[in-house]
Amino acid sequence: MNILNLLTTKRHIVGIEISDQAIKISYLQTRQKGEVNKDIPQDKLILIEEQLPQGIIANGVILDKEALTQILKNIWEKENLSKSYAVVSIEEDKIYSHILSFPKTIDNTKIKEAVLLAIDFQIPINKNDYYIGWELNENNHNINKVLISAISKNIANDYIKILDHAGINIMALESNLASLSRSIKTNPEELTIITKENRNSFTLFCLKNKAYQFSRTIPNSFIKDEDHKKNEISKIKNSFESETKEKSRELSLNQGELIEEYTKYPEIKESNDQSKWLIAIGAFMRGKIPQGEDKNC
């Protein structure tokens, strides 16, 4: 969801992932003359990771605002990013998501009106307490599918204030799942159910044609043991396949790979773990969308 409508190709953009466990940042920087050769891209992919102690963020809620502000400020100053703009990706635990379906007979000029009406009557939240954004999925040939995302203003405002105090210009705030949908390598024609482990929960979400189809986040406190978790995953997977009449492939996020556009960077090869950078790079990718083409509203 957009917090500030600042999308432009002229600003230097970074992607920031903020989770309970770490801060990760990704952006492109022009290589020095001595670093450039025919076998590597002219831009250097910068990857930064800062581990967070327990007690700073829990389940997507900021508990220690002062500590988080100082950590972000230190990174921003060290990397000399004061003139940059950030797309910030946070854990999905506190972001409500829902997919609305509309007939194709409703053209794009009427979609916004239909979505706003549906939000009033179909979404179980008080819209006065939430920032609400939506994205049109244009990959479906039979119906218009619209992804609704909503985050409590109290939670979002904490992130916005902390980023501002740290000297970070925030362009957009979105969920980890939105970021991942851009950067993770999948078969476009195949339903892929991805399992994502968080510090205090785990999430299942489904992609097809790079578009979000479904998600569910379950607190670890609900899970008795690994067998219980496997059974929950199996039940959700079977239920979703039954509803969609399609078979799906299951993929652990830890085994996820980046789309080919980013595997060319030696910095990714040197990291030996593509999956840990999927979210930060996915956030960065949103900042590269040309003005007027971002489908988020």
C-alpha atoms as a PDB file:
ATOM      1  CA  MET A   1       0.000   0.000   0.000  1.00  0.00           C
ATOM      2  CA  ASN A   2       1.274   3.471  -0.750  1.00  0.00           C
ATOM      3  CA  ILE A   3       1.892   5.712   2.231  1.00  0.00           C
ATOM      4  CA  LEU A   4       3.409   8.456   0.083  1.00  0.00           C
ATOM      5  CA  ASN A   5       2.705   8.668  -3.630  1.00  0.00           C
ATOM      6  CA  LEU A   6       6.293   9.318  -4.656  1.00  0.00           C
ATOM      7  CA  LEU A   7       6.962   6.683  -7.323  1.00  0.00           C
ATOM      8  CA  THR A   8       9.391   7.955  -9.917  1.00  0.00           C
ATOM      9  CA  THR A   9      12.293   6.545 -11.922  1.00  0.00           C
ATOM     10  CA  LYS A  10      14.509   9.530 -11.035  1.00  0.00           C
ATOM     11  CA  ARG A  11      15.035   8.799  -7.330  1.00  0.00           C
ATOM     12  CA  HIS A  12      17.590   6.396  -5.892  1.00  0.00           C
ATOM     13  CA  ILE A  13      15.583   3.522  -4.433  1.00  0.00           C
ATOM     14  CA  VAL A  14      16.455   0.938  -1.789  1.00  0.00           C
ATOM     15  CA  GLY A  15      14.456  -2.042  -0.555  1.00  0.00           C
ATOM     16  CA  ILE A  16      14.262  -2.629   3.194  1.00  0.00           C
ATOM     17  CA  GLU A  17      13.002  -5.775   4.895  1.00  0.00           C
ATOM     18  CA  ILE A  18      12.157  -5.298   8.592  1.00  0.00           C
ATOM     19  CA  SER A  19      11.315  -8.508  10.442  1.00  0.00           C
ATOM     20  CA  ASP A  20      11.324  -9.669  14.058  1.00  0.00           C
ATOM     21  CA  GLN A  21      14.786 -11.101  13.465  1.00  0.00           C
ATOM     22  CA  ALA A  22      16.722  -8.749  11.192  1.00  0.00           C
ATOM     23  CA  ILE A  23      16.900  -5.735   8.932  1.00  0.00           C
ATOM     24  CA  LYS A  24      17.988  -6.428   5.371  1.00  0.00           C
ATOM     25  CA  ILE A  25      18.630  -3.779   2.730  1.00  0.00           C
ATOM     26  CA  SER A  26      19.184  -4.106  -1.005  1.00  0.00           C
ATOM     27  CA  TYR A  27      20.008  -1.540  -3.683  1.00  0.00           C
ATOM     28  CA  LEU A  28      22.113  -0.995  -6.801  1.00  0.00           C
ATOM     29  CA  GLN A  29      25.268   1.107  -6.837  1.00  0.00           C
ATOM     30  CA  THR A  30      27.425   1.989  -9.843  1.00  0.00           C
ATOM     31  CA  ARG A  31      30.714   0.088  -9.688  1.00  0.00           C
ATOM     32  CA  GLN A  32      34.048   1.833  -9.409  1.00  0.00           C
ATOM     33  CA  LYS A  33      36.128   1.857 -12.621  1.00  0.00           C
ATOM     34  CA  GLY A  34      38.470  -0.821 -11.354  1.00  0.00           C
ATOM     35  CA  GLU A  35      35.574  -3.176 -10.586  1.00  0.00           C
ATOM     36  CA  VAL A  36      33.970  -3.091 -14.039  1.00  0.00           C
ATOM     37  CA  ASN A  37      34.674  -5.832 -16.581  1.00  0.00           C
ATOM     38  CA  LYS A  38      32.757  -7.567 -19.351  1.00  0.00           C
ATOM     39  CA  ASP A  39      31.775 -10.522 -17.163  1.00  0.00           C
ATOM     40  CA  ILE A  40      29.850  -8.615 -14.481  1.00  0.00           C
ATOM     41  CA  PRO A  41      27.022  -6.039 -14.544  1.00  0.00           C
ATOM     42  CA  GLN A  42      27.968  -2.373 -14.396  1.00  0.00           C
ATOM     43  CA  ASP A  43      25.847  -1.945 -11.272  1.00  0.00           C
ATOM     44  CA  LYS A  44      26.860  -3.501  -7.980  1.00  0.00           C
ATOM     45  CA  LEU A  45      24.141  -5.147  -5.883  1.00  0.00           C
ATOM     46  CA  ILE A  46      24.550  -3.970  -2.287  1.00  0.00           C
ATOM     47  CA  LEU A  47      23.273  -6.382   0.369  1.00  0.00           C
ATOM     48  CA  ILE A  48      23.212  -5.342   4.035  1.00  0.00           C
ATOM     49  CA  GLU A  49      22.043  -7.386   7.019  1.00  0.00           C
ATOM     50  CA  GLU A  50      21.720  -6.335  10.667  1.00  0.00           C
ATOM     51  CA  GLN A  51      20.450  -8.867  13.213  1.00  0.00           C
ATOM     52  CA  LEU A  52      17.859  -7.641  15.717  1.00  0.00           C
ATOM     53  CA  PRO A  53      17.876  -8.775  19.357  1.00  0.00           C
ATOM     54  CA  GLN A  54      14.665 -10.252  20.704  1.00  0.00           C
ATOM     55  CA  GLY A  55      12.317  -7.690  22.184  1.00  0.00           C
ATOM     56  CA  ILE A  56      12.627  -4.989  19.535  1.00  0.00           C
ATOM     57  CA  ILE A  57       9.868  -6.326  17.239  1.00  0.00           C
ATOM     58  CA  ALA A  58       7.433  -9.148  17.966  1.00  0.00           C
ATOM     59  CA  ASN A  59       4.846 -10.445  15.497  1.00  0.00           C
ATOM     60  CA  GLY A  60       5.327  -7.339  13.365  1.00  0.00           C
ATOM     61  CA  VAL A  61       4.684  -4.943  16.276  1.00  0.00           C
ATOM     62  CA  ILE A  62       7.488  -2.580  17.309  1.00  0.00           C
ATOM     63  CA  LEU A  63       8.201  -2.901  21.038  1.00  0.00           C
ATOM     64  CA  ASP A  64      11.403  -0.859  21.393  1.00  0.00           C
ATOM     65  CA  LYS A  65      11.016   2.199  19.171  1.00  0.00           C
ATOM     66  CA  GLU A  66      14.182   3.922  20.355  1.00  0.00           C
ATOM     67  CA  ALA A  67      16.419   0.911  19.678  1.00  0.00           C
ATOM     68  CA  LEU A  68      14.968   0.298  16.212  1.00  0.00           C
ATOM     69  CA  THR A  69      15.304   3.974  15.293  1.00  0.00           C
ATOM     70  CA  GLN A  70      18.972   4.019  16.292  1.00  0.00           C
ATOM     71  CA  ILE A  71      19.791   0.816  14.399  1.00  0.00           C
ATOM     72  CA  LEU A  72      18.169   2.137  11.213  1.00  0.00           C
ATOM     73  CA  LYS A  73      19.815   5.534  11.623  1.00  0.00           C
ATOM     74  CA  ASN A  74      23.250   3.939  12.036  1.00  0.00           C
ATOM     75  CA  ILE A  75      22.825   1.862   8.873  1.00  0.00           C
ATOM     76  CA  TRP A  76      21.530   4.834   6.866  1.00  0.00           C
ATOM     77  CA  GLU A  77      24.414   7.073   7.925  1.00  0.00           C
ATOM     78  CA  LYS A  78      27.079   4.390   7.463  1.00  0.00           C
ATOM     79  CA  GLU A  79      25.878   3.625   3.928  1.00  0.00           C
ATOM     80  CA  ASN A  80      25.431   7.325   3.073  1.00  0.00           C
ATOM     81  CA  LEU A  81      21.818   6.818   1.957  1.00  0.00           C
ATOM     82  CA  SER A  82      20.380  10.153   3.081  1.00  0.00           C
ATOM     83  CA  LYS A  83      19.187  11.034  -0.438  1.00  0.00           C
ATOM     84  CA  SER A  84      17.584   7.637  -1.063  1.00  0.00           C
ATOM     85  CA  TYR A  85      13.939   6.592  -0.944  1.00  0.00           C
ATOM     86  CA  ALA A  86      12.850   3.295   0.564  1.00  0.00           C
ATOM     87  CA  VAL A  87      10.216   0.692  -0.187  1.00  0.00           C
ATOM     88  CA  VAL A  88       9.771  -0.992   3.190  1.00  0.00           C
ATOM     89  CA  SER A  89       8.561  -4.569   3.581  1.00  0.00           C
ATOM     90  CA  ILE A  90       7.274  -5.785   6.962  1.00  0.00           C
ATOM     91  CA  GLU A  91       6.095  -9.173   8.214  1.00  0.00           C
ATOM     92  CA  GLU A  92       2.637 -10.199   7.133  1.00  0.00           C
ATOM     93  CA  ASP A  93       1.393 -11.098  10.642  1.00  0.00           C
ATOM     94  CA  LYS A  94      -0.342  -7.738  11.126  1.00  0.00           C
ATOM     95  CA  ILE A  95      -1.449  -7.148   7.537  1.00  0.00           C
ATOM     96  CA  TYR A  96      -4.949  -8.281   6.626  1.00  0.00           C
ATOM     97  CA  SER A  97      -5.267  -9.595   3.064  1.00  0.00           C
ATOM     98  CA  HIS A  98      -8.347 -10.568   1.114  1.00  0.00           C
ATOM     99  CA  ILE A  99      -9.080 -11.245  -2.558  1.00  0.00           C
ATOM    100  CA  LEU A 100     -12.227  -9.825  -4.160  1.00  0.00           C
ATOM    101  CA  SER A 101     -13.557 -11.101  -7.486  1.00  0.00           C
ATOM    102  CA  PHE A 102     -15.522  -9.072 -10.021  1.00  0.00           C
ATOM    103  CA  PRO A 103     -16.927  -9.932 -13.454  1.00  0.00           C
ATOM    104  CA  LYS A 104     -14.828  -8.867 -16.445  1.00  0.00           C
ATOM    105  CA  THR A 105     -17.833  -6.824 -17.530  1.00  0.00           C
ATOM    106  CA  ILE A 106     -16.773  -4.269 -14.904  1.00  0.00           C
ATOM    107  CA  ASP A 107     -14.158  -2.252 -16.757  1.00  0.00           C
ATOM    108  CA  ASN A 108     -11.153  -0.552 -15.150  1.00  0.00           C
ATOM    109  CA  THR A 109     -12.962   2.773 -14.852  1.00  0.00           C
ATOM    110  CA  LYS A 110     -15.567   1.154 -12.584  1.00  0.00           C
ATOM    111  CA  ILE A 111     -13.251  -1.162 -10.636  1.00  0.00           C
ATOM    112  CA  LYS A 112     -12.271   1.475  -8.089  1.00  0.00           C
ATOM    113  CA  GLU A 113     -15.916   2.246  -7.346  1.00  0.00           C
ATOM    114  CA  ALA A 114     -16.703  -1.472  -6.989  1.00  0.00           C
ATOM    115  CA  VAL A 115     -13.711  -2.069  -4.732  1.00  0.00           C
ATOM    116  CA  LEU A 116     -14.554   0.808  -2.408  1.00  0.00           C
ATOM    117  CA  LEU A 117     -18.115  -0.440  -2.126  1.00  0.00           C
ATOM    118  CA  ALA A 118     -16.934  -3.983  -1.378  1.00  0.00           C
ATOM    119  CA  ILE A 119     -14.539  -2.713   1.301  1.00  0.00           C
ATOM    120  CA  ASP A 120     -17.483  -1.097   3.072  1.00  0.00           C
ATOM    121  CA  PHE A 121     -19.612  -4.245   3.102  1.00  0.00           C
ATOM    122  CA  GLN A 122     -17.326  -7.296   2.752  1.00  0.00           C
ATOM    123  CA  ILE A 123     -14.155  -6.567   4.732  1.00  0.00           C
ATOM    124  CA  PRO A 124     -14.428  -7.282   8.507  1.00  0.00           C
ATOM    125  CA  ILE A 125     -12.465  -4.247   9.672  1.00  0.00           C
ATOM    126  CA  ASN A 126     -13.257  -0.663  10.569  1.00  0.00           C
ATOM    127  CA  LYS A 127     -11.762   1.213   7.626  1.00  0.00           C
ATOM    128  CA  ASN A 128     -11.305   4.326   9.771  1.00  0.00           C
ATOM    129  CA  ASP A 129      -8.693   2.433  11.819  1.00  0.00           C
ATOM    130  CA  TYR A 130      -6.747   1.026   8.856  1.00  0.00           C
ATOM    131  CA  TYR A 131      -4.726   2.074   5.868  1.00  0.00           C
ATOM    132  CA  ILE A 132      -6.236   0.106   2.990  1.00  0.00           C
ATOM    133  CA  GLY A 133      -4.653  -0.504  -0.391  1.00  0.00           C
ATOM    134  CA  TRP A 134      -5.603  -2.668  -3.321  1.00  0.00           C
ATOM    135  CA  GLU A 135      -3.987  -4.175  -6.411  1.00  0.00           C
ATOM    136  CA  LEU A 136      -5.657  -5.399  -9.587  1.00  0.00           C
ATOM    137  CA  ASN A 137      -4.539  -8.819 -10.821  1.00  0.00           C
ATOM    138  CA  GLU A 138      -4.783  -8.582 -14.599  1.00  0.00           C
ATOM    139  CA  ASN A 139      -3.494 -12.121 -15.262  1.00  0.00           C
ATOM    140  CA  ASN A 140      -6.906 -13.718 -14.886  1.00  0.00           C
ATOM    141  CA  HIS A 141      -8.797 -13.992 -18.192  1.00  0.00           C
ATOM    142  CA  ASN A 142     -12.268 -14.720 -16.796  1.00  0.00           C
ATOM    143  CA  ILE A 143     -12.680 -12.410 -13.833  1.00  0.00           C
ATOM    144  CA  ASN A 144     -11.059  -9.360 -12.287  1.00  0.00           C
ATOM    145  CA  LYS A 145      -9.314 -10.312  -9.053  1.00  0.00           C
ATOM    146  CA  VAL A 146      -8.382  -7.554  -6.635  1.00  0.00           C
ATOM    147  CA  LEU A 147      -6.033  -8.056  -3.688  1.00  0.00           C
ATOM    148  CA  ILE A 148      -7.028  -5.962  -0.666  1.00  0.00           C
ATOM    149  CA  SER A 149      -4.340  -5.233   1.940  1.00  0.00           C
ATOM    150  CA  ALA A 150      -5.003  -3.441   5.210  1.00  0.00           C
ATOM    151  CA  ILE A 151      -2.801  -2.513   8.141  1.00  0.00           C
ATOM    152  CA  SER A 152      -3.744  -0.884  11.425  1.00  0.00           C
ATOM    153  CA  LYS A 153      -2.940   2.811  11.393  1.00  0.00           C
ATOM    154  CA  ASN A 154      -1.376   2.458  14.852  1.00  0.00           C
ATOM    155  CA  ILE A 155       1.115  -0.153  13.630  1.00  0.00           C
ATOM    156  CA  ALA A 156       1.823   1.556  10.304  1.00  0.00           C
ATOM    157  CA  ASN A 157       2.287   4.949  11.946  1.00  0.00           C
ATOM    158  CA  ASP A 158       4.896   3.487  14.298  1.00  0.00           C
ATOM    159  CA  TYR A 159       6.945   2.297  11.311  1.00  0.00           C
ATOM    160  CA  ILE A 160       6.495   5.597   9.488  1.00  0.00           C
ATOM    161  CA  LYS A 161       7.545   7.687  12.496  1.00  0.00           C
ATOM    162  CA  ILE A 162      10.588   5.526  13.234  1.00  0.00           C
ATOM    163  CA  LEU A 163      11.753   5.564   9.622  1.00  0.00           C
ATOM    164  CA  ASP A 164      11.279   9.313   9.529  1.00  0.00           C
ATOM    165  CA  HIS A 165      13.238   9.808  12.761  1.00  0.00           C
ATOM    166  CA  ALA A 166      16.010   7.652  11.311  1.00  0.00           C
ATOM    167  CA  GLY A 167      16.215  10.001   8.312  1.00  0.00           C
ATOM    168  CA  ILE A 168      14.669   7.535   5.852  1.00  0.00           C
ATOM    169  CA  ASN A 169      12.342   8.778   3.115  1.00  0.00           C
ATOM    170  CA  ILE A 170       9.623   6.137   2.898  1.00  0.00           C
ATOM    171  CA  MET A 171       8.083   5.615  -0.527  1.00  0.00           C
ATOM    172  CA  ALA A 172       5.779   2.685   0.253  1.00  0.00           C
ATOM    173  CA  LEU A 173       5.009   0.196   3.001  1.00  0.00           C
ATOM    174  CA  GLU A 174       4.031  -3.354   2.022  1.00  0.00           C
ATOM    175  CA  SER A 175       3.959  -6.930   3.327  1.00  0.00           C
ATOM    176  CA  ASN A 176       6.701  -9.520   2.888  1.00  0.00           C
ATOM    177  CA  LEU A 177       4.352 -11.514   0.664  1.00  0.00           C
ATOM    178  CA  ALA A 178       3.952  -8.658  -1.812  1.00  0.00           C
ATOM    179  CA  SER A 179       7.732  -8.326  -2.026  1.00  0.00           C
ATOM    180  CA  LEU A 180       8.263 -12.055  -2.445  1.00  0.00           C
ATOM    181  CA  SER A 181       5.732 -12.301  -5.275  1.00  0.00           C
ATOM    182  CA  ARG A 182       8.046 -10.144  -7.445  1.00  0.00           C
ATOM    183  CA  SER A 183      11.399 -11.715  -6.689  1.00  0.00           C
ATOM    184  CA  ILE A 184      10.879 -15.454  -6.197  1.00  0.00           C
ATOM    185  CA  LYS A 185      11.345 -17.797  -9.146  1.00  0.00           C
ATOM    186  CA  THR A 186       8.253 -19.914  -9.869  1.00  0.00           C
ATOM    187  CA  ASN A 187       6.614 -21.576 -12.840  1.00  0.00           C
ATOM    188  CA  PRO A 188       4.113 -18.894 -13.969  1.00  0.00           C
ATOM    189  CA  GLU A 189       1.465 -21.433 -15.001  1.00  0.00           C
ATOM    190  CA  GLU A 190       1.702 -23.481 -11.824  1.00  0.00           C
ATOM    191  CA  LEU A 191       0.082 -22.932  -8.448  1.00  0.00           C
ATOM    192  CA  THR A 192       2.944 -22.683  -5.967  1.00  0.00           C
ATOM    193  CA  ILE A 193       2.262 -22.857  -2.227  1.00  0.00           C
ATOM    194  CA  ILE A 194       5.187 -21.324  -0.369  1.00  0.00           C
ATOM    195  CA  THR A 195       5.808 -21.941   3.331  1.00  0.00           C
ATOM    196  CA  LYS A 196       7.509 -19.113   5.223  1.00  0.00           C
ATOM    197  CA  GLU A 197       8.886 -19.497   8.764  1.00  0.00           C
ATOM    198  CA  ASN A 198       8.807 -16.463  11.057  1.00  0.00           C
ATOM    199  CA  ARG A 199      10.126 -16.158  14.602  1.00  0.00           C
ATOM    200  CA  ASN A 200       6.684 -16.633  16.195  1.00  0.00           C
ATOM    201  CA  SER A 201       4.538 -17.972  13.349  1.00  0.00           C
ATOM    202  CA  PHE A 202       4.550 -19.556   9.931  1.00  0.00           C
ATOM    203  CA  THR A 203       2.739 -18.549   6.763  1.00  0.00           C
ATOM    204  CA  LEU A 204       1.463 -20.393   3.726  1.00  0.00           C
ATOM    205  CA  PHE A 205       0.814 -18.330   0.626  1.00  0.00           C
ATOM    206  CA  CYS A 206       0.055 -19.220  -2.942  1.00  0.00           C
ATOM    207  CA  LEU A 207       1.245 -17.644  -6.193  1.00  0.00           C
ATOM    208  CA  LYS A 208       0.273 -18.160  -9.804  1.00  0.00           C
ATOM    209  CA  ASN A 209       1.481 -16.007 -12.691  1.00  0.00           C
ATOM    210  CA  LYS A 210       3.404 -14.014 -10.027  1.00  0.00           C
ATOM    211  CA  ALA A 211       0.053 -12.985  -8.538  1.00  0.00           C
ATOM    212  CA  TYR A 212      -0.992 -13.552  -4.932  1.00  0.00           C
ATOM    213  CA  GLN A 213      -3.841 -16.071  -4.633  1.00  0.00           C
ATOM    214  CA  PHE A 214      -4.170 -16.962  -0.960  1.00  0.00           C
ATOM    215  CA  SER A 215      -2.386 -16.793   2.406  1.00  0.00           C
ATOM    216  CA  ARG A 216      -2.773 -17.939   5.977  1.00  0.00           C
ATOM    217  CA  THR A 217      -0.545 -17.169   8.975  1.00  0.00           C
ATOM    218  CA  ILE A 218      -0.604 -19.480  11.998  1.00  0.00           C
ATOM    219  CA  PRO A 219       0.995 -18.591  15.379  1.00  0.00           C
ATOM    220  CA  ASN A 220       3.560 -21.094  16.666  1.00  0.00           C
ATOM    221  CA  SER A 221       1.608 -21.195  19.935  1.00  0.00           C
ATOM    222  CA  PHE A 222      -1.159 -22.982  18.015  1.00  0.00           C
ATOM    223  CA  ILE A 223       1.229 -25.724  16.837  1.00  0.00           C
ATOM    224  CA  LYS A 224       1.961 -28.636  19.195  1.00  0.00           C
ATOM    225  CA  ASP A 225       4.851 -30.204  17.241  1.00  0.00           C
ATOM    226  CA  GLU A 226       6.262 -30.675  13.728  1.00  0.00           C
ATOM    227  CA  ASP A 227       3.703 -33.359  12.869  1.00  0.00           C
ATOM    228  CA  HIS A 228       0.909 -30.968  13.839  1.00  0.00           C
ATOM    229  CA  LYS A 229       2.430 -28.312  11.583  1.00  0.00           C
ATOM    230  CA  LYS A 230       2.700 -30.760   8.662  1.00  0.00           C
ATOM    231  CA  ASN A 231      -0.938 -31.744   9.140  1.00  0.00           C
ATOM    232  CA  GLU A 232      -2.035 -28.085   9.114  1.00  0.00           C
ATOM    233  CA  ILE A 233      -0.069 -27.439   5.937  1.00  0.00           C
ATOM    234  CA  SER A 234      -1.561 -30.537   4.316  1.00  0.00           C
ATOM    235  CA  LYS A 235      -5.142 -29.554   5.278  1.00  0.00           C
ATOM    236  CA  ILE A 236      -4.752 -26.017   3.934  1.00  0.00           C
ATOM    237  CA  LYS A 237      -3.096 -27.265   0.742  1.00  0.00           C
ATOM    238  CA  ASN A 238      -5.820 -29.867   0.124  1.00  0.00           C
ATOM    239  CA  SER A 239      -8.597 -27.374   0.829  1.00  0.00           C
ATOM    240  CA  PHE A 240      -7.127 -24.804  -1.552  1.00  0.00           C
ATOM    241  CA  GLU A 241      -6.597 -27.387  -4.316  1.00  0.00           C
ATOM    242  CA  SER A 242     -10.178 -28.588  -3.875  1.00  0.00           C
ATOM    243  CA  GLU A 243     -11.468 -25.011  -4.203  1.00  0.00           C
ATOM    244  CA  THR A 244      -9.357 -24.113  -7.247  1.00  0.00           C
ATOM    245  CA  LYS A 245      -9.547 -27.557  -8.940  1.00  0.00           C
ATOM    246  CA  GLU A 246      -5.798 -27.320  -9.559  1.00  0.00           C
ATOM    247  CA  LYS A 247      -2.789 -29.211  -8.242  1.00  0.00           C
ATOM    248  CA  SER A 248      -0.129 -27.177  -6.505  1.00  0.00           C
ATOM    249  CA  ARG A 249       3.583 -27.447  -5.838  1.00  0.00           C
ATOM    250  CA  GLU A 250       4.855 -26.850  -2.316  1.00  0.00           C
ATOM    251  CA  LEU A 251       8.032 -24.805  -1.867  1.00  0.00           C
ATOM    252  CA  SER A 252       9.809 -23.833   1.333  1.00  0.00           C
ATOM    253  CA  LEU A 253      10.965 -20.219   1.261  1.00  0.00           C
ATOM    254  CA  ASN A 254      14.379 -21.425   2.442  1.00  0.00           C
ATOM    255  CA  GLN A 255      14.684 -23.234  -0.893  1.00  0.00           C
ATOM    256  CA  GLY A 256      13.434 -20.278  -2.939  1.00  0.00           C
ATOM    257  CA  GLU A 257      15.514 -18.845  -5.764  1.00  0.00           C
ATOM    258  CA  LEU A 258      15.665 -15.362  -7.234  1.00  0.00           C
ATOM    259  CA  ILE A 259      14.363 -14.589 -10.686  1.00  0.00           C
ATOM    260  CA  GLU A 260      17.133 -14.705 -13.283  1.00  0.00           C
ATOM    261  CA  GLU A 261      17.432 -10.918 -13.524  1.00  0.00           C
ATOM    262  CA  TYR A 262      19.253 -10.929 -10.167  1.00  0.00           C
ATOM    263  CA  THR A 263      21.222 -14.186 -10.248  1.00  0.00           C
ATOM    264  CA  LYS A 264      23.713 -12.489 -12.627  1.00  0.00           C
ATOM    265  CA  TYR A 265      25.090 -10.363  -9.790  1.00  0.00           C
ATOM    266  CA  PRO A 266      28.256 -11.814  -8.217  1.00  0.00           C
ATOM    267  CA  GLU A 267      27.137 -10.470  -4.843  1.00  0.00           C
ATOM    268  CA  ILE A 268      24.252 -12.964  -4.883  1.00  0.00           C
ATOM    269  CA  LYS A 269      26.557 -15.831  -5.824  1.00  0.00           C
ATOM    270  CA  GLU A 270      28.935 -14.885  -3.024  1.00  0.00           C
ATOM    271  CA  SER A 271      26.132 -14.863  -0.446  1.00  0.00           C
ATOM    272  CA  ASN A 272      25.511 -18.613  -0.979  1.00  0.00           C
ATOM    273  CA  ASP A 273      21.867 -18.121   0.004  1.00  0.00           C
ATOM    274  CA  GLN A 274      19.500 -16.511  -2.487  1.00  0.00           C
ATOM    275  CA  SER A 275      16.440 -17.061  -0.293  1.00  0.00           C
ATOM    276  CA  LYS A 276      17.527 -14.697   2.493  1.00  0.00           C
ATOM    277  CA  TRP A 277      17.506 -11.738   0.067  1.00  0.00           C
ATOM    278  CA  LEU A 278      14.198 -12.442  -1.686  1.00  0.00           C
ATOM    279  CA  ILE A 279      12.168  -9.960   0.372  1.00  0.00           C
ATOM    280  CA  ALA A 280      14.612  -7.043   0.369  1.00  0.00           C
ATOM    281  CA  ILE A 281      15.185  -7.413  -3.377  1.00  0.00           C
ATOM    282  CA  GLY A 282      11.447  -7.759  -3.995  1.00  0.00           C
ATOM    283  CA  ALA A 283      10.880  -4.475  -2.148  1.00  0.00           C
ATOM    284  CA  PHE A 284      13.638  -2.830  -4.180  1.00  0.00           C
ATOM    285  CA  MET A 285      12.000  -4.098  -7.381  1.00  0.00           C
ATOM    286  CA  ARG A 286       8.816  -2.193  -6.587  1.00  0.00           C
ATOM    287  CA  GLY A 287      10.795   1.020  -6.572  1.00  0.00           C
ATOM    288  CA  LYS A 288      11.910   0.286 -10.140  1.00  0.00           C
ATOM    289  CA  ILE A 289       8.340   0.216 -11.471  1.00  0.00           C
ATOM    290  CA  PRO A 290       7.921   3.230 -13.803  1.00  0.00           C
ATOM    291  CA  GLN A 291       5.654   6.023 -12.611  1.00  0.00           C
ATOM    292  CA  GLY A 292       2.030   5.299 -13.479  1.00  0.00           C
ATOM    293  CA  GLU A 293       2.550   1.532 -13.847  1.00  0.00           C
ATOM    294  CA  ASP A 294       2.450   0.540 -10.188  1.00  0.00           C
ATOM    295  CA  LYS A 295      -0.841  -1.366  -9.774  1.00  0.00           C
ATOM    296  CA  ASN A 296      -1.100  -0.671  -6.048  1.00  0.00           C
ATOM    297  CA  CYS A 297      -3.707   1.881  -5.006  1.00  0.00           C
END
